[in-house]
Amino acid sequence: MNIDELTIKDLKTLNGLLQNNPTNQSHFYDVGKNYIIRTVTNYYIGKLVAVSEKEILLEKAVWVADTGRFTDALLKGKLDEVELFHPDHPVIVGRGALVDAQIWVHEIPKEQK
């Protein structure tokens, strides 16, 4: 197929295919769920309330300075050191700094540890 010979109909067909492609979505996050987020420097736990092209927004967020054994943190919710953000203000995290994220099935910590 020569791209220079595409018609408007061809372009509309291609656009429709791209729009219906499940892998062509802006994110895989489940807004409303709690997540543990690993960035290049820190861990965050919070309720995901919004996702934009460059940022995510977390409510009830905490900064995890030390997870301890990572498997214990994920499976048991056991964390060694936690710092709280202001409870009335959401935390904005840049998506460019994200390494990975997983749904956090435990309660979000409410006390500094």
PDB file of N, CA and C in Angstrom:
ATOM      1  N   MET A   1       0.852  -1.171   0.000  1.00  0.00           N
ATOM      2  CA  MET A   1       0.000   0.000   0.000  1.00  0.00           C
ATOM      3  C   MET A   1       0.896   1.232   0.000  1.00  0.00           C
ATOM      4  N   ASN A   2       0.647   2.128  -0.883  1.00  0.00           N
ATOM      5  CA  ASN A   2       1.384   3.382  -0.970  1.00  0.00           C
ATOM      6  C   ASN A   2       0.623   4.438  -0.167  1.00  0.00           C
ATOM      7  N   ILE A   3       1.270   4.970   0.853  1.00  0.00           N
ATOM      8  CA  ILE A   3       0.601   5.931   1.742  1.00  0.00           C
ATOM      9  C   ILE A   3       0.165   7.191   0.997  1.00  0.00           C
ATOM     10  N   ASP A   4       0.883   7.552  -0.061  1.00  0.00           N
ATOM     11  CA  ASP A   4       0.532   8.746  -0.830  1.00  0.00           C
ATOM     12  C   ASP A   4      -0.749   8.561  -1.632  1.00  0.00           C
ATOM     13  N   GLU A   5      -1.203   7.325  -1.789  1.00  0.00           N
ATOM     14  CA  GLU A   5      -2.399   7.055  -2.587  1.00  0.00           C
ATOM     15  C   GLU A   5      -3.635   6.760  -1.726  1.00  0.00           C
ATOM     16  N   LEU A   6      -3.529   6.960  -0.420  1.00  0.00           N
ATOM     17  CA  LEU A   6      -4.674   6.699   0.453  1.00  0.00           C
ATOM     18  C   LEU A   6      -5.787   7.703   0.189  1.00  0.00           C
ATOM     19  N   THR A   7      -6.991   7.219   0.197  1.00  0.00           N
ATOM     20  CA  THR A   7      -8.159   8.079   0.030  1.00  0.00           C
ATOM     21  C   THR A   7      -8.684   8.473   1.403  1.00  0.00           C
ATOM     22  N   ILE A   8      -9.613   9.420   1.425  1.00  0.00           N
ATOM     23  CA  ILE A   8     -10.266   9.812   2.681  1.00  0.00           C
ATOM     24  C   ILE A   8     -10.959   8.596   3.298  1.00  0.00           C
ATOM     25  N   LYS A   9     -11.583   7.793   2.467  1.00  0.00           N
ATOM     26  CA  LYS A   9     -12.255   6.583   2.954  1.00  0.00           C
ATOM     27  C   LYS A   9     -11.239   5.652   3.614  1.00  0.00           C
ATOM     28  N   ASP A  10     -10.055   5.470   3.001  1.00  0.00           N
ATOM     29  CA  ASP A  10      -9.007   4.627   3.584  1.00  0.00           C
ATOM     30  C   ASP A  10      -8.576   5.171   4.945  1.00  0.00           C
ATOM     31  N   LEU A  11      -8.397   6.494   5.032  1.00  0.00           N
ATOM     32  CA  LEU A  11      -7.971   7.108   6.288  1.00  0.00           C
ATOM     33  C   LEU A  11      -9.032   6.943   7.371  1.00  0.00           C
ATOM     34  N   LYS A  12     -10.302   7.088   6.999  1.00  0.00           N
ATOM     35  CA  LYS A  12     -11.388   6.891   7.969  1.00  0.00           C
ATOM     36  C   LYS A  12     -11.423   5.440   8.452  1.00  0.00           C
ATOM     37  N   THR A  13     -11.190   4.508   7.556  1.00  0.00           N
ATOM     38  CA  THR A  13     -11.155   3.086   7.936  1.00  0.00           C
ATOM     39  C   THR A  13     -10.009   2.822   8.895  1.00  0.00           C
ATOM     40  N   LEU A  14      -8.821   3.348   8.583  1.00  0.00           N
ATOM     41  CA  LEU A  14      -7.662   3.175   9.468  1.00  0.00           C
ATOM     42  C   LEU A  14      -7.914   3.805  10.833  1.00  0.00           C
ATOM     43  N   ASN A  15      -8.476   4.994  10.834  1.00  0.00           N
ATOM     44  CA  ASN A  15      -8.772   5.676  12.090  1.00  0.00           C
ATOM     45  C   ASN A  15      -9.752   4.861  12.930  1.00  0.00           C
ATOM     46  N   GLY A  16     -10.775   4.303  12.293  1.00  0.00           N
ATOM     47  CA  GLY A  16     -11.736   3.464  13.007  1.00  0.00           C
ATOM     48  C   GLY A  16     -11.080   2.237  13.608  1.00  0.00           C
ATOM     49  N   LEU A  17     -10.162   1.632  12.880  1.00  0.00           N
ATOM     50  CA  LEU A  17      -9.451   0.460  13.399  1.00  0.00           C
ATOM     51  C   LEU A  17      -8.608   0.835  14.604  1.00  0.00           C
ATOM     52  N   LEU A  18      -7.931   1.968  14.532  1.00  0.00           N
ATOM     53  CA  LEU A  18      -7.090   2.410  15.644  1.00  0.00           C
ATOM     54  C   LEU A  18      -7.919   2.759  16.870  1.00  0.00           C
ATOM     55  N   GLN A  19      -9.068   3.391  16.688  1.00  0.00           N
ATOM     56  CA  GLN A  19      -9.927   3.777  17.803  1.00  0.00           C
ATOM     57  C   GLN A  19     -10.516   2.568  18.514  1.00  0.00           C
ATOM     58  N   ASN A  20     -10.752   1.486  17.787  1.00  0.00           N
ATOM     59  CA  ASN A  20     -11.357   0.288  18.370  1.00  0.00           C
ATOM     60  C   ASN A  20     -10.336  -0.712  18.873  1.00  0.00           C
ATOM     61  N   ASN A  21      -9.068  -0.397  18.752  1.00  0.00           N
ATOM     62  CA  ASN A  21      -8.006  -1.295  19.194  1.00  0.00           C
ATOM     63  C   ASN A  21      -7.863  -1.179  20.704  1.00  0.00           C
ATOM     64  N   PRO A  22      -8.104  -2.261  21.467  1.00  0.00           N
ATOM     65  CA  PRO A  22      -8.037  -2.166  22.929  1.00  0.00           C
ATOM     66  C   PRO A  22      -6.648  -1.817  23.449  1.00  0.00           C
ATOM     67  N   THR A  23      -5.601  -2.031  22.664  1.00  0.00           N
ATOM     68  CA  THR A  23      -4.265  -1.666  23.119  1.00  0.00           C
ATOM     69  C   THR A  23      -3.954  -0.210  22.811  1.00  0.00           C
ATOM     70  N   ASN A  24      -4.858   0.490  22.155  1.00  0.00           N
ATOM     71  CA  ASN A  24      -4.668   1.894  21.826  1.00  0.00           C
ATOM     72  C   ASN A  24      -5.426   2.775  22.820  1.00  0.00           C
ATOM     73  N   GLN A  25      -5.238   2.519  24.104  1.00  0.00           N
ATOM     74  CA  GLN A  25      -5.889   3.336  25.115  1.00  0.00           C
ATOM     75  C   GLN A  25      -4.841   4.168  25.827  1.00  0.00           C
ATOM     76  N   SER A  26      -5.279   5.212  26.504  1.00  0.00           N
ATOM     77  CA  SER A  26      -4.334   6.132  27.122  1.00  0.00           C
ATOM     78  C   SER A  26      -3.729   5.588  28.417  1.00  0.00           C
ATOM     79  N   HIS A  27      -4.401   4.641  29.067  1.00  0.00           N
ATOM     80  CA  HIS A  27      -3.846   4.039  30.282  1.00  0.00           C
ATOM     81  C   HIS A  27      -4.591   2.746  30.615  1.00  0.00           C
ATOM     82  N   PHE A  28      -3.977   1.973  31.501  1.00  0.00           N
ATOM     83  CA  PHE A  28      -4.563   0.712  31.956  1.00  0.00           C
ATOM     84  C   PHE A  28      -5.004   0.779  33.412  1.00  0.00           C
ATOM     85  N   TYR A  29      -4.966   1.955  34.006  1.00  0.00           N
ATOM     86  CA  TYR A  29      -5.331   2.119  35.407  1.00  0.00           C
ATOM     87  C   TYR A  29      -6.833   1.950  35.616  1.00  0.00           C
ATOM     88  N   ASP A  30      -7.197   1.557  36.818  1.00  0.00           N
ATOM     89  CA  ASP A  30      -8.600   1.432  37.209  1.00  0.00           C
ATOM     90  C   ASP A  30      -8.885   2.562  38.206  1.00  0.00           C
ATOM     91  N   VAL A  31      -9.396   3.657  37.692  1.00  0.00           N
ATOM     92  CA  VAL A  31      -9.668   4.832  38.524  1.00  0.00           C
ATOM     93  C   VAL A  31     -10.661   4.449  39.620  1.00  0.00           C
ATOM     94  N   GLY A  32     -10.374   4.906  40.843  1.00  0.00           N
ATOM     95  CA  GLY A  32     -11.211   4.592  41.993  1.00  0.00           C
ATOM     96  C   GLY A  32     -10.614   3.520  42.884  1.00  0.00           C
ATOM     97  N   LYS A  33      -9.607   2.819  42.380  1.00  0.00           N
ATOM     98  CA  LYS A  33      -8.937   1.762  43.166  1.00  0.00           C
ATOM     99  C   LYS A  33      -7.715   2.340  43.871  1.00  0.00           C
ATOM    100  N   ASN A  34      -7.291   1.663  44.930  1.00  0.00           N
ATOM    101  CA  ASN A  34      -6.057   2.015  45.620  1.00  0.00           C
ATOM    102  C   ASN A  34      -4.882   1.349  44.910  1.00  0.00           C
ATOM    103  N   TYR A  35      -3.779   2.088  44.806  1.00  0.00           N
ATOM    104  CA  TYR A  35      -2.583   1.580  44.137  1.00  0.00           C
ATOM    105  C   TYR A  35      -1.352   1.790  44.981  1.00  0.00           C
ATOM    106  N   ILE A  36      -0.385   0.897  44.813  1.00  0.00           N
ATOM    107  CA  ILE A  36       0.980   1.167  45.236  1.00  0.00           C
ATOM    108  C   ILE A  36       1.723   1.483  43.947  1.00  0.00           C
ATOM    109  N   ILE A  37       2.362   2.641  43.933  1.00  0.00           N
ATOM    110  CA  ILE A  37       3.033   3.156  42.749  1.00  0.00           C
ATOM    111  C   ILE A  37       4.526   3.228  43.053  1.00  0.00           C
ATOM    112  N   ARG A  38       5.342   2.636  42.184  1.00  0.00           N
ATOM    113  CA  ARG A  38       6.793   2.765  42.328  1.00  0.00           C
ATOM    114  C   ARG A  38       7.269   3.771  41.300  1.00  0.00           C
ATOM    115  N   THR A  39       7.979   4.803  41.756  1.00  0.00           N
ATOM    116  CA  THR A  39       8.588   5.763  40.836  1.00  0.00           C
ATOM    117  C   THR A  39      10.090   5.525  40.852  1.00  0.00           C
ATOM    118  N   VAL A  40      10.809   6.325  40.102  1.00  0.00           N
ATOM    119  CA  VAL A  40      12.264   6.150  40.041  1.00  0.00           C
ATOM    120  C   VAL A  40      12.931   6.431  41.381  1.00  0.00           C
ATOM    121  N   THR A  41      12.252   7.137  42.282  1.00  0.00           N
ATOM    122  CA  THR A  41      12.867   7.455  43.578  1.00  0.00           C
ATOM    123  C   THR A  41      12.021   7.061  44.789  1.00  0.00           C
ATOM    124  N   ASN A  42      10.706   6.943  44.658  1.00  0.00           N
ATOM    125  CA  ASN A  42       9.830   6.748  45.818  1.00  0.00           C
ATOM    126  C   ASN A  42       8.722   5.746  45.536  1.00  0.00           C
ATOM    127  N   TYR A  43       8.056   5.351  46.622  1.00  0.00           N
ATOM    128  CA  TYR A  43       6.816   4.574  46.536  1.00  0.00           C
ATOM    129  C   TYR A  43       5.693   5.450  47.065  1.00  0.00           C
ATOM    130  N   TYR A  44       4.529   5.347  46.451  1.00  0.00           N
ATOM    131  CA  TYR A  44       3.338   6.030  46.914  1.00  0.00           C
ATOM    132  C   TYR A  44       2.210   5.007  47.009  1.00  0.00           C
ATOM    133  N   ILE A  45       1.338   5.211  47.974  1.00  0.00           N
ATOM    134  CA  ILE A  45       0.106   4.437  48.048  1.00  0.00           C
ATOM    135  C   ILE A  45      -1.015   5.452  48.162  1.00  0.00           C
ATOM    136  N   GLY A  46      -2.069   5.250  47.385  1.00  0.00           N
ATOM    137  CA  GLY A  46      -3.195   6.155  47.454  1.00  0.00           C
ATOM    138  C   GLY A  46      -4.321   5.699  46.556  1.00  0.00           C
ATOM    139  N   LYS A  47      -5.444   6.369  46.687  1.00  0.00           N
ATOM    140  CA  LYS A  47      -6.614   6.089  45.852  1.00  0.00           C
ATOM    141  C   LYS A  47      -6.469   6.886  44.560  1.00  0.00           C
ATOM    142  N   LEU A  48      -6.461   6.201  43.433  1.00  0.00           N
ATOM    143  CA  LEU A  48      -6.329   6.840  42.136  1.00  0.00           C
ATOM    144  C   LEU A  48      -7.646   7.504  41.766  1.00  0.00           C
ATOM    145  N   VAL A  49      -7.630   8.824  41.589  1.00  0.00           N
ATOM    146  CA  VAL A  49      -8.865   9.540  41.277  1.00  0.00           C
ATOM    147  C   VAL A  49      -8.873  10.135  39.873  1.00  0.00           C
ATOM    148  N   ALA A  50      -7.696  10.262  39.242  1.00  0.00           N
ATOM    149  CA  ALA A  50      -7.652  10.800  37.883  1.00  0.00           C
ATOM    150  C   ALA A  50      -6.335  10.431  37.219  1.00  0.00           C
ATOM    151  N   VAL A  51      -6.397  10.305  35.889  1.00  0.00           N
ATOM    152  CA  VAL A  51      -5.214  10.030  35.082  1.00  0.00           C
ATOM    153  C   VAL A  51      -5.236  10.995  33.907  1.00  0.00           C
ATOM    154  N   SER A  52      -4.139  11.739  33.746  1.00  0.00           N
ATOM    155  CA  SER A  52      -4.015  12.600  32.572  1.00  0.00           C
ATOM    156  C   SER A  52      -2.861  12.072  31.727  1.00  0.00           C
ATOM    157  N   GLU A  53      -2.588  12.754  30.657  1.00  0.00           N
ATOM    158  CA  GLU A  53      -1.520  12.310  29.764  1.00  0.00           C
ATOM    159  C   GLU A  53      -0.172  12.252  30.471  1.00  0.00           C
ATOM    160  N   LYS A  54       0.076  13.188  31.403  1.00  0.00           N
ATOM    161  CA  LYS A  54       1.399  13.272  32.028  1.00  0.00           C
ATOM    162  C   LYS A  54       1.405  13.056  33.530  1.00  0.00           C
ATOM    163  N   GLU A  55       0.227  12.936  34.158  1.00  0.00           N
ATOM    164  CA  GLU A  55       0.186  12.820  35.608  1.00  0.00           C
ATOM    165  C   GLU A  55      -0.924  11.898  36.066  1.00  0.00           C
ATOM    166  N   ILE A  56      -0.775  11.424  37.305  1.00  0.00           N
ATOM    167  CA  ILE A  56      -1.861  10.732  37.986  1.00  0.00           C
ATOM    168  C   ILE A  56      -2.148  11.504  39.265  1.00  0.00           C
ATOM    169  N   LEU A  57      -3.363  11.386  39.751  1.00  0.00           N
ATOM    170  CA  LEU A  57      -3.783  12.097  40.947  1.00  0.00           C
ATOM    171  C   LEU A  57      -4.218  11.081  41.987  1.00  0.00           C
ATOM    172  N   LEU A  58      -3.608  11.163  43.183  1.00  0.00           N
ATOM    173  CA  LEU A  58      -3.896  10.235  44.280  1.00  0.00           C
ATOM    174  C   LEU A  58      -4.507  10.976  45.455  1.00  0.00           C
ATOM    175  N   GLU A  59      -5.562  10.412  46.054  1.00  0.00           N
ATOM    176  CA  GLU A  59      -6.138  10.916  47.298  1.00  0.00           C
ATOM    177  C   GLU A  59      -5.742   9.987  48.432  1.00  0.00           C
ATOM    178  N   LYS A  60      -5.783  10.529  49.657  1.00  0.00           N
ATOM    179  CA  LYS A  60      -5.443   9.761  50.859  1.00  0.00           C
ATOM    180  C   LYS A  60      -4.047   9.152  50.726  1.00  0.00           C
ATOM    181  N   ALA A  61      -3.159   9.868  50.059  1.00  0.00           N
ATOM    182  CA  ALA A  61      -1.856   9.319  49.688  1.00  0.00           C
ATOM    183  C   ALA A  61      -0.853   9.319  50.832  1.00  0.00           C
ATOM    184  N   VAL A  62       0.019   8.327  50.776  1.00  0.00           N
ATOM    185  CA  VAL A  62       1.163   8.237  51.679  1.00  0.00           C
ATOM    186  C   VAL A  62       2.416   7.999  50.844  1.00  0.00           C
ATOM    187  N   TRP A  63       3.530   8.439  51.395  1.00  0.00           N
ATOM    188  CA  TRP A  63       4.836   8.171  50.804  1.00  0.00           C
ATOM    189  C   TRP A  63       5.449   7.038  51.609  1.00  0.00           C
ATOM    190  N   VAL A  64       5.882   6.008  50.944  1.00  0.00           N
ATOM    191  CA  VAL A  64       6.471   4.862  51.627  1.00  0.00           C
ATOM    192  C   VAL A  64       7.984   4.982  51.504  1.00  0.00           C
ATOM    193  N   ALA A  65       8.623   5.324  52.621  1.00  0.00           N
ATOM    194  CA  ALA A  65      10.075   5.485  52.632  1.00  0.00           C
ATOM    195  C   ALA A  65      10.786   4.136  52.620  1.00  0.00           C
ATOM    196  N   ASP A  66      10.146   3.117  53.209  1.00  0.00           N
ATOM    197  CA  ASP A  66      10.757   1.785  53.262  1.00  0.00           C
ATOM    198  C   ASP A  66       9.640   0.744  53.255  1.00  0.00           C
ATOM    199  N   THR A  67       9.585  -0.053  52.200  1.00  0.00           N
ATOM    200  CA  THR A  67       8.566  -1.101  52.121  1.00  0.00           C
ATOM    201  C   THR A  67       8.916  -2.298  52.985  1.00  0.00           C
ATOM    202  N   GLY A  68      10.187  -2.410  53.406  1.00  0.00           N
ATOM    203  CA  GLY A  68      10.627  -3.665  54.006  1.00  0.00           C
ATOM    204  C   GLY A  68      10.704  -4.696  52.896  1.00  0.00           C
ATOM    205  N   ARG A  69      10.474  -5.954  53.210  1.00  0.00           N
ATOM    206  CA  ARG A  69      10.445  -6.982  52.161  1.00  0.00           C
ATOM    207  C   ARG A  69       9.267  -6.704  51.244  1.00  0.00           C
ATOM    208  N   PHE A  70       9.552  -6.527  49.952  1.00  0.00           N
ATOM    209  CA  PHE A  70       8.534  -6.078  49.003  1.00  0.00           C
ATOM    210  C   PHE A  70       7.371  -7.067  48.901  1.00  0.00           C
ATOM    211  N   THR A  71       7.657  -8.353  48.899  1.00  0.00           N
ATOM    212  CA  THR A  71       6.591  -9.357  48.831  1.00  0.00           C
ATOM    213  C   THR A  71       5.686  -9.262  50.053  1.00  0.00           C
ATOM    214  N   ASP A  72       6.265  -9.060  51.237  1.00  0.00           N
ATOM    215  CA  ASP A  72       5.458  -8.897  52.451  1.00  0.00           C
ATOM    216  C   ASP A  72       4.581  -7.646  52.355  1.00  0.00           C
ATOM    217  N   ALA A  73       5.121  -6.593  51.761  1.00  0.00           N
ATOM    218  CA  ALA A  73       4.329  -5.375  51.589  1.00  0.00           C
ATOM    219  C   ALA A  73       3.128  -5.648  50.690  1.00  0.00           C
ATOM    220  N   LEU A  74       3.352  -6.307  49.571  1.00  0.00           N
ATOM    221  CA  LEU A  74       2.260  -6.555  48.625  1.00  0.00           C
ATOM    222  C   LEU A  74       1.248  -7.565  49.134  1.00  0.00           C
ATOM    223  N   LEU A  75       1.726  -8.665  49.712  1.00  0.00           N
ATOM    224  CA  LEU A  75       0.813  -9.736  50.114  1.00  0.00           C
ATOM    225  C   LEU A  75       0.171  -9.520  51.479  1.00  0.00           C
ATOM    226  N   LYS A  76       0.904  -8.878  52.401  1.00  0.00           N
ATOM    227  CA  LYS A  76       0.410  -8.725  53.772  1.00  0.00           C
ATOM    228  C   LYS A  76       0.093  -7.281  54.153  1.00  0.00           C
ATOM    229  N   GLY A  77       0.497  -6.313  53.306  1.00  0.00           N
ATOM    230  CA  GLY A  77       0.289  -4.913  53.646  1.00  0.00           C
ATOM    231  C   GLY A  77       1.253  -4.403  54.694  1.00  0.00           C
ATOM    232  N   LYS A  78       2.331  -5.155  54.935  1.00  0.00           N
ATOM    233  CA  LYS A  78       3.313  -4.805  55.962  1.00  0.00           C
ATOM    234  C   LYS A  78       4.336  -3.834  55.385  1.00  0.00           C
ATOM    235  N   LEU A  79       4.437  -2.639  55.976  1.00  0.00           N
ATOM    236  CA  LEU A  79       5.367  -1.608  55.536  1.00  0.00           C
ATOM    237  C   LEU A  79       6.240  -1.187  56.706  1.00  0.00           C
ATOM    238  N   ASP A  80       7.520  -0.907  56.447  1.00  0.00           N
ATOM    239  CA  ASP A  80       8.428  -0.545  57.533  1.00  0.00           C
ATOM    240  C   ASP A  80       8.424   0.945  57.874  1.00  0.00           C
ATOM    241  N   GLU A  81       8.275   1.816  56.873  1.00  0.00           N
ATOM    242  CA  GLU A  81       8.316   3.253  57.156  1.00  0.00           C
ATOM    243  C   GLU A  81       7.363   3.993  56.215  1.00  0.00           C
ATOM    244  N   VAL A  82       6.461   4.772  56.805  1.00  0.00           N
ATOM    245  CA  VAL A  82       5.427   5.474  56.046  1.00  0.00           C
ATOM    246  C   VAL A  82       5.342   6.920  56.527  1.00  0.00           C
ATOM    247  N   GLU A  83       5.241   7.841  55.574  1.00  0.00           N
ATOM    248  CA  GLU A  83       5.008   9.259  55.866  1.00  0.00           C
ATOM    249  C   GLU A  83       3.702   9.669  55.206  1.00  0.00           C
ATOM    250  N   LEU A  84       2.937  10.516  55.890  1.00  0.00           N
ATOM    251  CA  LEU A  84       1.625  10.925  55.396  1.00  0.00           C
ATOM    252  C   LEU A  84       1.705  12.245  54.636  1.00  0.00           C
ATOM    253  N   PHE A  85       0.912  12.363  53.581  1.00  0.00           N
ATOM    254  CA  PHE A  85       0.673  13.644  52.944  1.00  0.00           C
ATOM    255  C   PHE A  85      -0.508  14.292  53.652  1.00  0.00           C
ATOM    256  N   HIS A  86      -0.731  15.567  53.399  1.00  0.00           N
ATOM    257  CA  HIS A  86      -1.883  16.250  53.992  1.00  0.00           C
ATOM    258  C   HIS A  86      -3.152  15.529  53.529  1.00  0.00           C
ATOM    259  N   PRO A  87      -4.017  15.124  54.452  1.00  0.00           N
ATOM    260  CA  PRO A  87      -5.179  14.306  54.080  1.00  0.00           C
ATOM    261  C   PRO A  87      -6.225  15.031  53.235  1.00  0.00           C
ATOM    262  N   ASP A  88      -6.215  16.365  53.244  1.00  0.00           N
ATOM    263  CA  ASP A  88      -7.228  17.118  52.504  1.00  0.00           C
ATOM    264  C   ASP A  88      -6.785  17.533  51.104  1.00  0.00           C
ATOM    265  N   HIS A  89      -5.568  17.160  50.727  1.00  0.00           N
ATOM    266  CA  HIS A  89      -5.047  17.590  49.429  1.00  0.00           C
ATOM    267  C   HIS A  89      -4.529  16.391  48.643  1.00  0.00           C
ATOM    268  N   PRO A  90      -4.950  16.253  47.390  1.00  0.00           N
ATOM    269  CA  PRO A  90      -4.449  15.141  46.574  1.00  0.00           C
ATOM    270  C   PRO A  90      -2.986  15.341  46.203  1.00  0.00           C
ATOM    271  N   VAL A  91      -2.361  14.263  45.795  1.00  0.00           N
ATOM    272  CA  VAL A  91      -0.954  14.275  45.396  1.00  0.00           C
ATOM    273  C   VAL A  91      -0.886  14.028  43.891  1.00  0.00           C
ATOM    274  N   ILE A  92      -0.126  14.867  43.215  1.00  0.00           N
ATOM    275  CA  ILE A  92       0.078  14.723  41.774  1.00  0.00           C
ATOM    276  C   ILE A  92       1.423  14.022  41.560  1.00  0.00           C
ATOM    277  N   VAL A  93       1.405  12.943  40.794  1.00  0.00           N
ATOM    278  CA  VAL A  93       2.631  12.194  40.500  1.00  0.00           C
ATOM    279  C   VAL A  93       2.813  12.186  38.985  1.00  0.00           C
ATOM    280  N   GLY A  94       3.992  12.583  38.525  1.00  0.00           N
ATOM    281  CA  GLY A  94       4.283  12.596  37.098  1.00  0.00           C
ATOM    282  C   GLY A  94       4.382  11.185  36.538  1.00  0.00           C
ATOM    283  N   ARG A  95       3.683  10.915  35.458  1.00  0.00           N
ATOM    284  CA  ARG A  95       3.688   9.574  34.859  1.00  0.00           C
ATOM    285  C   ARG A  95       5.048   9.235  34.269  1.00  0.00           C
ATOM    286  N   GLY A  96       5.839  10.237  33.910  1.00  0.00           N
ATOM    287  CA  GLY A  96       7.163   9.980  33.361  1.00  0.00           C
ATOM    288  C   GLY A  96       8.110   9.356  34.369  1.00  0.00           C
ATOM    289  N   ALA A  97       7.799   9.502  35.659  1.00  0.00           N
ATOM    290  CA  ALA A  97       8.647   8.942  36.711  1.00  0.00           C
ATOM    291  C   ALA A  97       8.197   7.555  37.155  1.00  0.00           C
ATOM    292  N   LEU A  98       7.052   7.079  36.639  1.00  0.00           N
ATOM    293  CA  LEU A  98       6.508   5.796  37.087  1.00  0.00           C
ATOM    294  C   LEU A  98       7.328   4.625  36.557  1.00  0.00           C
ATOM    295  N   VAL A  99       7.570   3.672  37.443  1.00  0.00           N
ATOM    296  CA  VAL A  99       8.252   2.436  37.059  1.00  0.00           C
ATOM    297  C   VAL A  99       7.221   1.325  36.915  1.00  0.00           C
ATOM    298  N   ASP A 100       6.377   1.164  37.933  1.00  0.00           N
ATOM    299  CA  ASP A 100       5.301   0.181  37.872  1.00  0.00           C
ATOM    300  C   ASP A 100       4.239   0.537  38.895  1.00  0.00           C
ATOM    301  N   ALA A 101       3.104  -0.120  38.781  1.00  0.00           N
ATOM    302  CA  ALA A 101       1.980   0.133  39.684  1.00  0.00           C
ATOM    303  C   ALA A 101       1.187  -1.152  39.831  1.00  0.00           C
ATOM    304  N   GLN A 102       0.636  -1.331  41.022  1.00  0.00           N
ATOM    305  CA  GLN A 102      -0.203  -2.497  41.266  1.00  0.00           C
ATOM    306  C   GLN A 102      -1.323  -2.091  42.212  1.00  0.00           C
ATOM    307  N   ILE A 103      -2.479  -2.682  42.024  1.00  0.00           N
ATOM    308  CA  ILE A 103      -3.589  -2.393  42.934  1.00  0.00           C
ATOM    309  C   ILE A 103      -3.170  -2.804  44.345  1.00  0.00           C
ATOM    310  N   TRP A 104      -3.435  -1.913  45.295  1.00  0.00           N
ATOM    311  CA  TRP A 104      -3.125  -2.130  46.705  1.00  0.00           C
ATOM    312  C   TRP A 104      -4.389  -2.655  47.370  1.00  0.00           C
ATOM    313  N   VAL A 105      -4.386  -3.924  47.773  1.00  0.00           N
ATOM    314  CA  VAL A 105      -5.600  -4.573  48.289  1.00  0.00           C
ATOM    315  C   VAL A 105      -5.792  -4.356  49.788  1.00  0.00           C
ATOM    316  N   HIS A 106      -4.866  -3.669  50.416  1.00  0.00           N
ATOM    317  CA  HIS A 106      -4.931  -3.431  51.866  1.00  0.00           C
ATOM    318  C   HIS A 106      -5.430  -1.997  52.118  1.00  0.00           C
ATOM    319  N   GLU A 107      -5.700  -1.715  53.370  1.00  0.00           N
ATOM    320  CA  GLU A 107      -6.063  -0.334  53.721  1.00  0.00           C
ATOM    321  C   GLU A 107      -4.871   0.565  53.492  1.00  0.00           C
ATOM    322  N   ILE A 108      -5.156   1.803  53.098  1.00  0.00           N
ATOM    323  CA  ILE A 108      -4.090   2.792  52.981  1.00  0.00           C
ATOM    324  C   ILE A 108      -3.693   3.184  54.409  1.00  0.00           C
ATOM    325  N   PRO A 109      -2.392   3.179  54.729  1.00  0.00           N
ATOM    326  CA  PRO A 109      -1.976   3.547  56.084  1.00  0.00           C
ATOM    327  C   PRO A 109      -2.474   4.933  56.455  1.00  0.00           C
ATOM    328  N   LYS A 110      -2.883   5.084  57.723  1.00  0.00           N
ATOM    329  CA  LYS A 110      -3.407   6.360  58.207  1.00  0.00           C
ATOM    330  C   LYS A 110      -2.510   6.979  59.276  1.00  0.00           C
ATOM    331  N   GLU A 111      -1.427   6.274  59.623  1.00  0.00           N
ATOM    332  CA  GLU A 111      -0.527   6.773  60.664  1.00  0.00           C
ATOM    333  C   GLU A 111       0.903   6.730  60.175  1.00  0.00           C
ATOM    334  N   GLN A 112       1.656   7.718  60.632  1.00  0.00           N
ATOM    335  CA  GLN A 112       3.072   7.766  60.331  1.00  0.00           C
ATOM    336  C   GLN A 112       3.768   6.608  61.024  1.00  0.00           C
ATOM    337  N   LYS A 113       4.697   6.021  60.340  1.00  0.00           N
ATOM    338  CA  LYS A 113       5.400   4.874  60.928  1.00  0.00           C
ATOM    339  C   LYS A 113       6.866   4.978  60.600  1.00  0.00           C
TER     340      LYS A 113
END
